[in-house]
Amino acid sequence: MMLPKNCWGWPNVPSPALTHLDAAGHAHMVDVSAKAATRRKAVATGAIIMQPQTLEMILSGAAPKGDVLATARIAGIMAAKKTADIIPLCHPLSLSSVTVDLAPNDNRIEITATVTTTGATGVEMEALTAVSAAALTLYDMCKAVDRGMQIENIKLLHKSGGRSGDYNAA
């Protein structure tokens, strides 16, 4: 007997690993109302690679669009706060803190976002969204001089709090 398939072509079977799917295989926002509020923290990272002269332009403050690093940092913070608006099944969260660190290194800028809250669900997506938006903003502000920039290695480095415990990337 063939199982009916959902919109992705996967069999409609519940999976404990995929909490965003209900028993019929349909997407839904997970009910976290019974979960205890705990301190949550997530750290994500990524990088944007560019020509050395592009990095020099940024560091010298000569970019035509203004202060590239300050704008990217603010974009990352704003994106973390708006994660639930762009990631469909994320819960809107009251964030306690968001930091976005930008570290120039050779021909790249390393981006690290740290997000904290006290709540019933984690802030991994907020940290990943902050890194992504900061990287995209760096690209946007410098694309006129370097269209070959590459965004790479956006990933979760650390998460703590909640039932699933801590995670640290290898």
C-alpha atoms as a PDB file:
ATOM      1  CA  MET A   1       0.000   0.000   0.000  1.00  0.00           C
ATOM      2  CA  MET A   2       1.362   3.408  -0.984  1.00  0.00           C
ATOM      3  CA  LEU A   3       1.118   6.195   1.559  1.00  0.00           C
ATOM      4  CA  PRO A   4      -0.259   9.536   0.362  1.00  0.00           C
ATOM      5  CA  LYS A   5       2.416  12.154  -0.149  1.00  0.00           C
ATOM      6  CA  ASN A   6       2.610  15.681   1.174  1.00  0.00           C
ATOM      7  CA  CYS A   7       3.412  18.783  -0.858  1.00  0.00           C
ATOM      8  CA  TRP A   8       7.142  17.895  -0.915  1.00  0.00           C
ATOM      9  CA  GLY A   9       6.496  14.388  -2.236  1.00  0.00           C
ATOM     10  CA  TRP A  10       7.373  12.758   1.087  1.00  0.00           C
ATOM     11  CA  PRO A  11       5.110  10.080   2.590  1.00  0.00           C
ATOM     12  CA  ASN A  12       2.615  11.513   5.070  1.00  0.00           C
ATOM     13  CA  VAL A  13       3.973   9.862   8.176  1.00  0.00           C
ATOM     14  CA  PRO A  14       4.622  11.589  11.474  1.00  0.00           C
ATOM     15  CA  SER A  15       8.234  11.941  12.483  1.00  0.00           C
ATOM     16  CA  PRO A  16       9.403  12.813  15.973  1.00  0.00           C
ATOM     17  CA  ALA A  17      12.484  14.444  14.435  1.00  0.00           C
ATOM     18  CA  LEU A  18      10.420  16.841  12.314  1.00  0.00           C
ATOM     19  CA  THR A  19       8.317  18.658  14.881  1.00  0.00           C
ATOM     20  CA  HIS A  20       6.986  21.148  12.324  1.00  0.00           C
ATOM     21  CA  LEU A  21       4.933  18.390  10.654  1.00  0.00           C
ATOM     22  CA  ASP A  22       1.661  17.182  12.128  1.00  0.00           C
ATOM     23  CA  ALA A  23       0.365  13.596  12.018  1.00  0.00           C
ATOM     24  CA  ALA A  24      -0.910  14.154   8.463  1.00  0.00           C
ATOM     25  CA  GLY A  25       2.454  15.510   7.303  1.00  0.00           C
ATOM     26  CA  HIS A  26       1.280  19.109   7.093  1.00  0.00           C
ATOM     27  CA  ALA A  27       3.401  22.010   8.291  1.00  0.00           C
ATOM     28  CA  HIS A  28       2.324  23.763  11.485  1.00  0.00           C
ATOM     29  CA  MET A  29       3.823  25.995  14.155  1.00  0.00           C
ATOM     30  CA  VAL A  30       4.858  23.851  17.116  1.00  0.00           C
ATOM     31  CA  ASP A  31       2.919  24.436  20.347  1.00  0.00           C
ATOM     32  CA  VAL A  32       5.480  25.481  22.977  1.00  0.00           C
ATOM     33  CA  SER A  33       2.946  26.659  25.577  1.00  0.00           C
ATOM     34  CA  ALA A  34       3.706  23.776  27.965  1.00  0.00           C
ATOM     35  CA  LYS A  35       7.479  24.263  27.835  1.00  0.00           C
ATOM     36  CA  ALA A  36       9.237  25.995  30.700  1.00  0.00           C
ATOM     37  CA  ALA A  37      10.905  29.314  30.037  1.00  0.00           C
ATOM     38  CA  THR A  38      14.663  28.866  30.295  1.00  0.00           C
ATOM     39  CA  ARG A  39      17.671  30.991  29.384  1.00  0.00           C
ATOM     40  CA  ARG A  40      18.532  30.361  25.727  1.00  0.00           C
ATOM     41  CA  LYS A  41      21.630  31.335  23.787  1.00  0.00           C
ATOM     42  CA  ALA A  42      22.765  30.732  20.218  1.00  0.00           C
ATOM     43  CA  VAL A  43      25.918  31.704  18.368  1.00  0.00           C
ATOM     44  CA  ALA A  44      26.149  31.557  14.570  1.00  0.00           C
ATOM     45  CA  THR A  45      28.918  32.450  12.164  1.00  0.00           C
ATOM     46  CA  GLY A  46      29.594  33.028   8.492  1.00  0.00           C
ATOM     47  CA  ALA A  47      31.899  35.001   6.244  1.00  0.00           C
ATOM     48  CA  ILE A  48      31.988  37.091   3.109  1.00  0.00           C
ATOM     49  CA  ILE A  49      35.047  36.829   0.882  1.00  0.00           C
ATOM     50  CA  MET A  50      36.053  39.820  -1.222  1.00  0.00           C
ATOM     51  CA  GLN A  51      38.898  41.351  -3.151  1.00  0.00           C
ATOM     52  CA  PRO A  52      41.617  42.820  -0.882  1.00  0.00           C
ATOM     53  CA  GLN A  53      40.957  46.292  -2.298  1.00  0.00           C
ATOM     54  CA  THR A  54      37.276  45.978  -1.359  1.00  0.00           C
ATOM     55  CA  LEU A  55      38.196  45.194   2.228  1.00  0.00           C
ATOM     56  CA  GLU A  56      40.636  48.119   2.257  1.00  0.00           C
ATOM     57  CA  MET A  57      37.871  50.411   0.962  1.00  0.00           C
ATOM     58  CA  ILE A  58      35.579  49.269   3.795  1.00  0.00           C
ATOM     59  CA  LEU A  59      38.232  49.660   6.481  1.00  0.00           C
ATOM     60  CA  SER A  60      39.319  53.085   5.257  1.00  0.00           C
ATOM     61  CA  GLY A  61      35.729  54.371   5.270  1.00  0.00           C
ATOM     62  CA  ALA A  62      35.811  55.122   1.535  1.00  0.00           C
ATOM     63  CA  ALA A  63      32.756  53.074   0.495  1.00  0.00           C
ATOM     64  CA  PRO A  64      30.346  55.158  -1.628  1.00  0.00           C
ATOM     65  CA  LYS A  65      27.334  54.015   0.433  1.00  0.00           C
ATOM     66  CA  GLY A  66      28.803  55.001   3.800  1.00  0.00           C
ATOM     67  CA  ASP A  67      29.854  53.074   6.904  1.00  0.00           C
ATOM     68  CA  VAL A  68      29.603  49.493   5.679  1.00  0.00           C
ATOM     69  CA  LEU A  69      30.441  47.752   8.955  1.00  0.00           C
ATOM     70  CA  ALA A  70      28.031  49.791  11.094  1.00  0.00           C
ATOM     71  CA  THR A  71      25.229  49.272   8.579  1.00  0.00           C
ATOM     72  CA  ALA A  72      25.837  45.507   8.400  1.00  0.00           C
ATOM     73  CA  ARG A  73      25.896  45.249  12.189  1.00  0.00           C
ATOM     74  CA  ILE A  74      22.561  47.086  12.510  1.00  0.00           C
ATOM     75  CA  ALA A  75      21.061  44.989   9.684  1.00  0.00           C
ATOM     76  CA  GLY A  76      22.005  41.802  11.528  1.00  0.00           C
ATOM     77  CA  ILE A  77      20.429  43.017  14.753  1.00  0.00           C
ATOM     78  CA  MET A  78      17.251  44.097  12.956  1.00  0.00           C
ATOM     79  CA  ALA A  79      17.045  40.763  11.119  1.00  0.00           C
ATOM     80  CA  ALA A  80      17.303  38.784  14.356  1.00  0.00           C
ATOM     81  CA  LYS A  81      14.334  40.757  15.711  1.00  0.00           C
ATOM     82  CA  LYS A  82      12.314  40.075  12.528  1.00  0.00           C
ATOM     83  CA  THR A  83      13.131  36.367  12.095  1.00  0.00           C
ATOM     84  CA  ALA A  84       9.543  35.227  12.666  1.00  0.00           C
ATOM     85  CA  ASP A  85       8.423  37.535   9.834  1.00  0.00           C
ATOM     86  CA  ILE A  86      10.613  35.813   7.238  1.00  0.00           C
ATOM     87  CA  ILE A  87      10.941  32.210   8.491  1.00  0.00           C
ATOM     88  CA  PRO A  88       7.353  30.943   8.334  1.00  0.00           C
ATOM     89  CA  LEU A  89       7.188  28.561  11.309  1.00  0.00           C
ATOM     90  CA  CYS A  90       9.426  30.456  13.749  1.00  0.00           C
ATOM     91  CA  HIS A  91       7.856  31.780  16.911  1.00  0.00           C
ATOM     92  CA  PRO A  92       7.975  35.536  17.495  1.00  0.00           C
ATOM     93  CA  LEU A  93      10.371  35.953  20.407  1.00  0.00           C
ATOM     94  CA  SER A  94      11.218  38.668  22.865  1.00  0.00           C
ATOM     95  CA  LEU A  95      14.993  38.794  22.529  1.00  0.00           C
ATOM     96  CA  SER A  96      17.123  39.783  25.511  1.00  0.00           C
ATOM     97  CA  SER A  97      20.251  40.621  23.522  1.00  0.00           C
ATOM     98  CA  VAL A  98      21.693  40.485  20.012  1.00  0.00           C
ATOM     99  CA  THR A  99      25.313  41.176  19.168  1.00  0.00           C
ATOM    100  CA  VAL A 100      26.833  41.071  15.705  1.00  0.00           C
ATOM    101  CA  ASP A 101      30.620  41.058  15.535  1.00  0.00           C
ATOM    102  CA  LEU A 102      32.431  41.763  12.265  1.00  0.00           C
ATOM    103  CA  ALA A 103      36.093  40.749  12.101  1.00  0.00           C
ATOM    104  CA  PRO A 104      38.103  41.713   8.994  1.00  0.00           C
ATOM    105  CA  ASN A 105      40.709  39.073   8.183  1.00  0.00           C
ATOM    106  CA  ASP A 106      42.835  39.006   5.000  1.00  0.00           C
ATOM    107  CA  ASN A 107      40.303  39.086   2.143  1.00  0.00           C
ATOM    108  CA  ARG A 108      37.186  38.380   4.214  1.00  0.00           C
ATOM    109  CA  ILE A 109      34.973  39.597   6.979  1.00  0.00           C
ATOM    110  CA  GLU A 110      34.030  36.985   9.570  1.00  0.00           C
ATOM    111  CA  ILE A 111      30.548  37.525  11.014  1.00  0.00           C
ATOM    112  CA  THR A 112      29.473  36.188  14.411  1.00  0.00           C
ATOM    113  CA  ALA A 113      26.038  36.732  15.935  1.00  0.00           C
ATOM    114  CA  THR A 114      25.097  35.940  19.521  1.00  0.00           C
ATOM    115  CA  VAL A 115      21.442  35.989  20.567  1.00  0.00           C
ATOM    116  CA  THR A 116      19.940  35.404  24.020  1.00  0.00           C
ATOM    117  CA  THR A 117      16.463  35.194  25.479  1.00  0.00           C
ATOM    118  CA  THR A 118      14.539  33.622  28.303  1.00  0.00           C
ATOM    119  CA  GLY A 119      11.705  31.689  26.759  1.00  0.00           C
ATOM    120  CA  ALA A 120      10.131  28.417  25.708  1.00  0.00           C
ATOM    121  CA  THR A 121      12.008  28.040  22.426  1.00  0.00           C
ATOM    122  CA  GLY A 122      15.538  28.584  21.206  1.00  0.00           C
ATOM    123  CA  VAL A 123      17.149  31.417  19.281  1.00  0.00           C
ATOM    124  CA  GLU A 124      19.182  29.457  16.716  1.00  0.00           C
ATOM    125  CA  MET A 125      17.216  30.815  13.771  1.00  0.00           C
ATOM    126  CA  GLU A 126      17.582  34.371  15.043  1.00  0.00           C
ATOM    127  CA  ALA A 127      21.379  34.006  15.222  1.00  0.00           C
ATOM    128  CA  LEU A 128      21.547  32.432  11.746  1.00  0.00           C
ATOM    129  CA  THR A 129      19.280  35.141  10.332  1.00  0.00           C
ATOM    130  CA  ALA A 130      21.437  37.872  11.878  1.00  0.00           C
ATOM    131  CA  VAL A 131      24.577  36.470  10.221  1.00  0.00           C
ATOM    132  CA  SER A 132      22.791  36.080   6.882  1.00  0.00           C
ATOM    133  CA  ALA A 133      21.427  39.630   6.872  1.00  0.00           C
ATOM    134  CA  ALA A 134      24.768  41.123   7.898  1.00  0.00           C
ATOM    135  CA  ALA A 135      26.495  39.240   5.064  1.00  0.00           C
ATOM    136  CA  LEU A 136      23.856  40.282   2.531  1.00  0.00           C
ATOM    137  CA  THR A 137      24.170  43.897   3.660  1.00  0.00           C
ATOM    138  CA  LEU A 138      27.943  43.793   3.228  1.00  0.00           C
ATOM    139  CA  TYR A 139      27.372  42.446  -0.284  1.00  0.00           C
ATOM    140  CA  ASP A 140      24.744  45.072  -1.089  1.00  0.00           C
ATOM    141  CA  MET A 141      26.868  47.976   0.080  1.00  0.00           C
ATOM    142  CA  CYS A 142      29.948  46.854  -1.883  1.00  0.00           C
ATOM    143  CA  LYS A 143      28.526  45.179  -4.989  1.00  0.00           C
ATOM    144  CA  ALA A 144      29.226  48.226  -7.149  1.00  0.00           C
ATOM    145  CA  VAL A 145      32.959  47.649  -6.715  1.00  0.00           C
ATOM    146  CA  ASP A 146      33.095  43.843  -6.242  1.00  0.00           C
ATOM    147  CA  ARG A 147      30.318  41.674  -7.680  1.00  0.00           C
ATOM    148  CA  GLY A 148      32.434  38.552  -7.125  1.00  0.00           C
ATOM    149  CA  MET A 149      32.069  38.556  -3.342  1.00  0.00           C
ATOM    150  CA  GLN A 150      31.075  35.190  -1.893  1.00  0.00           C
ATOM    151  CA  ILE A 151      29.049  34.499   1.228  1.00  0.00           C
ATOM    152  CA  GLU A 152      30.056  31.212   2.825  1.00  0.00           C
ATOM    153  CA  ASN A 153      29.897  28.841   5.765  1.00  0.00           C
ATOM    154  CA  ILE A 154      26.864  30.213   7.589  1.00  0.00           C
ATOM    155  CA  LYS A 155      26.335  27.787  10.442  1.00  0.00           C
ATOM    156  CA  LEU A 156      25.339  27.356  14.061  1.00  0.00           C
ATOM    157  CA  LEU A 157      28.368  27.249  16.389  1.00  0.00           C
ATOM    158  CA  HIS A 158      26.635  26.907  19.749  1.00  0.00           C
ATOM    159  CA  LYS A 159      23.241  26.673  21.365  1.00  0.00           C
ATOM    160  CA  SER A 160      22.364  26.276  25.008  1.00  0.00           C
ATOM    161  CA  GLY A 161      19.199  25.990  27.054  1.00  0.00           C
ATOM    162  CA  GLY A 162      16.034  24.023  26.668  1.00  0.00           C
ATOM    163  CA  ARG A 163      15.165  20.339  26.779  1.00  0.00           C
ATOM    164  CA  SER A 164      17.528  19.292  23.999  1.00  0.00           C
ATOM    165  CA  GLY A 165      20.533  20.594  25.931  1.00  0.00           C
ATOM    166  CA  ASP A 166      23.662  22.158  24.557  1.00  0.00           C
ATOM    167  CA  TYR A 167      25.139  21.926  21.066  1.00  0.00           C
ATOM    168  CA  ASN A 168      28.657  22.866  20.039  1.00  0.00           C
ATOM    169  CA  ALA A 169      29.812  22.541  16.435  1.00  0.00           C
ATOM    170  CA  ALA A 170      32.790  20.280  15.917  1.00  0.00           C
END
